[in-house]
Amino acid sequence: LQINAAIYDPLELLGPIILTWKLLIQDLWKMGMSWDEKLEPEEIRRCLELEKAFNQFDVIEAPR
């Protein structure tokens, strides 16, 4: 979940991806999980899927 905190996106080009991370964190919070608890297998799977999707955007180039 540290990936979400490490993203600097002032133009919000990665908004849809960041939103999915924030929704996951929100779901975990609603479940009553604290920061030091281990995730259940389903939540681990969701994290890995989001990480895989995020890694597809290795480099984003924008011409000036």
N, C-alpha and C. Protein backbone atom coordinates (compact mmCIF):
# COMPACT_ATOMS: atom_id res chain seq x y z
N LEU A 1 0.80 -1.20 0.00
CA LEU A 1 0.00 0.00 0.00
C LEU A 1 0.85 1.26 0.00
N GLN A 2 2.14 1.08 0.20
CA GLN A 2 3.02 2.24 0.18
C GLN A 2 3.15 2.83 -1.21
N ILE A 3 2.77 2.07 -2.22
CA ILE A 3 2.83 2.57 -3.60
C ILE A 3 1.96 3.80 -3.75
N ASN A 4 0.78 3.77 -3.19
CA ASN A 4 -0.14 4.90 -3.31
C ASN A 4 0.46 6.18 -2.74
N ALA A 5 1.16 6.06 -1.63
CA ALA A 5 1.76 7.24 -0.99
C ALA A 5 2.98 7.74 -1.75
N ALA A 6 3.60 6.89 -2.56
CA ALA A 6 4.82 7.26 -3.25
C ALA A 6 4.57 7.92 -4.61
N ILE A 7 3.34 8.01 -5.04
CA ILE A 7 3.03 8.54 -6.36
C ILE A 7 2.92 10.05 -6.31
N TYR A 8 3.68 10.69 -7.19
CA TYR A 8 3.59 12.15 -7.34
C TYR A 8 2.99 12.39 -8.72
N ASP A 9 1.79 12.88 -8.77
CA ASP A 9 1.07 13.05 -10.03
C ASP A 9 0.31 14.38 -10.01
N PRO A 10 1.03 15.51 -10.14
CA PRO A 10 0.35 16.81 -10.04
C PRO A 10 -0.66 17.07 -11.16
N LEU A 11 -0.48 16.44 -12.31
CA LEU A 11 -1.42 16.64 -13.41
C LEU A 11 -2.55 15.62 -13.39
N GLU A 12 -2.52 14.72 -12.42
CA GLU A 12 -3.53 13.68 -12.25
C GLU A 12 -3.72 12.81 -13.49
N LEU A 13 -2.61 12.51 -14.15
CA LEU A 13 -2.65 11.62 -15.31
C LEU A 13 -2.91 10.18 -14.89
N LEU A 14 -2.53 9.85 -13.68
CA LEU A 14 -2.72 8.49 -13.18
C LEU A 14 -3.93 8.39 -12.26
N GLY A 15 -4.82 9.35 -12.34
CA GLY A 15 -5.99 9.40 -11.47
C GLY A 15 -6.77 8.11 -11.37
N PRO A 16 -7.12 7.47 -12.49
CA PRO A 16 -7.90 6.22 -12.39
C PRO A 16 -7.17 5.12 -11.63
N ILE A 17 -5.86 5.04 -11.79
CA ILE A 17 -5.09 4.01 -11.08
C ILE A 17 -5.00 4.35 -9.60
N ILE A 18 -4.71 5.61 -9.31
CA ILE A 18 -4.61 6.04 -7.92
C ILE A 18 -5.95 5.86 -7.21
N LEU A 19 -7.03 6.12 -7.90
CA LEU A 19 -8.36 5.96 -7.31
C LEU A 19 -8.61 4.52 -6.88
N THR A 20 -8.19 3.56 -7.69
CA THR A 20 -8.40 2.16 -7.32
C THR A 20 -7.63 1.81 -6.05
N TRP A 21 -6.41 2.36 -5.90
CA TRP A 21 -5.65 2.14 -4.66
C TRP A 21 -6.38 2.75 -3.48
N LYS A 22 -6.88 3.96 -3.66
CA LYS A 22 -7.58 4.64 -2.56
C LYS A 22 -8.85 3.90 -2.18
N LEU A 23 -9.54 3.35 -3.16
CA LEU A 23 -10.75 2.57 -2.87
C LEU A 23 -10.40 1.30 -2.10
N LEU A 24 -9.28 0.67 -2.44
CA LEU A 24 -8.85 -0.51 -1.71
C LEU A 24 -8.55 -0.15 -0.26
N ILE A 25 -7.82 0.94 -0.06
CA ILE A 25 -7.51 1.38 1.30
C ILE A 25 -8.79 1.69 2.07
N GLN A 26 -9.75 2.32 1.39
CA GLN A 26 -11.03 2.63 2.03
C GLN A 26 -11.76 1.34 2.43
N ASP A 27 -11.76 0.35 1.55
CA ASP A 27 -12.42 -0.92 1.87
C ASP A 27 -11.77 -1.58 3.08
N LEU A 28 -10.44 -1.54 3.14
CA LEU A 28 -9.73 -2.13 4.28
C LEU A 28 -10.07 -1.39 5.56
N TRP A 29 -10.18 -0.08 5.47
CA TRP A 29 -10.53 0.72 6.64
C TRP A 29 -11.95 0.38 7.12
N LYS A 30 -12.88 0.21 6.17
CA LYS A 30 -14.26 -0.14 6.53
C LYS A 30 -14.34 -1.52 7.19
N MET A 31 -13.40 -2.40 6.82
CA MET A 31 -13.36 -3.73 7.42
C MET A 31 -12.79 -3.69 8.84
N GLY A 32 -12.29 -2.52 9.23
CA GLY A 32 -11.75 -2.38 10.58
C GLY A 32 -10.30 -2.78 10.70
N MET A 33 -9.59 -2.88 9.59
CA MET A 33 -8.19 -3.28 9.63
C MET A 33 -7.32 -2.10 10.06
N SER A 34 -6.28 -2.42 10.81
CA SER A 34 -5.32 -1.39 11.19
C SER A 34 -4.07 -1.54 10.32
N TRP A 35 -3.16 -0.57 10.42
CA TRP A 35 -1.99 -0.55 9.53
C TRP A 35 -1.04 -1.72 9.75
N ASP A 36 -1.03 -2.30 10.94
CA ASP A 36 -0.06 -3.35 11.21
C ASP A 36 -0.65 -4.76 11.13
N GLU A 37 -1.88 -4.88 10.69
CA GLU A 37 -2.49 -6.20 10.53
C GLU A 37 -2.11 -6.80 9.18
N LYS A 38 -2.03 -8.13 9.17
CA LYS A 38 -1.76 -8.82 7.91
C LYS A 38 -3.05 -8.89 7.10
N LEU A 39 -2.89 -8.79 5.78
CA LEU A 39 -4.04 -8.83 4.89
C LEU A 39 -4.52 -10.26 4.68
N GLU A 40 -5.81 -10.39 4.43
CA GLU A 40 -6.39 -11.68 4.08
C GLU A 40 -5.98 -12.00 2.64
N PRO A 41 -6.04 -13.28 2.24
CA PRO A 41 -5.65 -13.67 0.88
C PRO A 41 -6.38 -12.89 -0.22
N GLU A 42 -7.66 -12.60 -0.03
CA GLU A 42 -8.42 -11.86 -1.04
C GLU A 42 -7.87 -10.44 -1.21
N GLU A 43 -7.53 -9.79 -0.11
CA GLU A 43 -6.98 -8.44 -0.19
C GLU A 43 -5.58 -8.45 -0.79
N ILE A 44 -4.81 -9.47 -0.48
CA ILE A 44 -3.47 -9.61 -1.08
C ILE A 44 -3.61 -9.75 -2.59
N ARG A 45 -4.58 -10.56 -3.03
CA ARG A 45 -4.81 -10.73 -4.46
C ARG A 45 -5.16 -9.40 -5.11
N ARG A 46 -6.03 -8.62 -4.47
CA ARG A 46 -6.41 -7.30 -5.02
C ARG A 46 -5.19 -6.39 -5.12
N CYS A 47 -4.35 -6.40 -4.09
CA CYS A 47 -3.14 -5.56 -4.11
C CYS A 47 -2.22 -5.97 -5.25
N LEU A 48 -2.03 -7.26 -5.43
CA LEU A 48 -1.15 -7.73 -6.49
C LEU A 48 -1.69 -7.39 -7.87
N GLU A 49 -3.02 -7.48 -8.04
CA GLU A 49 -3.62 -7.10 -9.32
C GLU A 49 -3.43 -5.62 -9.60
N LEU A 50 -3.62 -4.79 -8.59
CA LEU A 50 -3.43 -3.35 -8.77
C LEU A 50 -1.97 -3.01 -9.04
N GLU A 51 -1.07 -3.70 -8.36
CA GLU A 51 0.36 -3.47 -8.59
C GLU A 51 0.74 -3.86 -10.01
N LYS A 52 0.19 -4.97 -10.49
CA LYS A 52 0.46 -5.41 -11.86
C LYS A 52 -0.05 -4.39 -12.86
N ALA A 53 -1.24 -3.86 -12.64
CA ALA A 53 -1.79 -2.84 -13.54
C ALA A 53 -0.95 -1.57 -13.49
N PHE A 54 -0.50 -1.19 -12.30
CA PHE A 54 0.31 0.01 -12.16
C PHE A 54 1.66 -0.15 -12.86
N ASN A 55 2.25 -1.34 -12.77
CA ASN A 55 3.56 -1.57 -13.38
C ASN A 55 3.52 -1.55 -14.90
N GLN A 56 2.35 -1.63 -15.49
CA GLN A 56 2.24 -1.53 -16.95
C GLN A 56 2.58 -0.12 -17.41
N PHE A 57 2.47 0.85 -16.50
CA PHE A 57 2.79 2.23 -16.81
C PHE A 57 4.18 2.56 -16.31
N ASP A 58 5.17 1.82 -16.81
CA ASP A 58 6.55 1.97 -16.37
C ASP A 58 7.05 3.39 -16.61
N VAL A 59 6.84 3.87 -17.82
CA VAL A 59 7.29 5.22 -18.17
C VAL A 59 6.17 5.91 -18.94
N ILE A 60 5.86 7.09 -18.52
CA ILE A 60 4.88 7.89 -19.24
C ILE A 60 5.61 9.12 -19.75
N GLU A 61 5.60 9.29 -21.05
CA GLU A 61 6.27 10.43 -21.65
C GLU A 61 5.24 11.39 -22.23
N ALA A 62 5.49 12.66 -22.04
CA ALA A 62 4.61 13.68 -22.60
C ALA A 62 5.47 14.70 -23.34
N PRO A 63 5.31 14.79 -24.66
CA PRO A 63 6.11 15.76 -25.40
C PRO A 63 5.72 17.18 -25.01
N ARG A 64 6.70 18.05 -25.05
CA ARG A 64 6.44 19.45 -24.69
C ARG A 64 6.02 20.25 -25.89
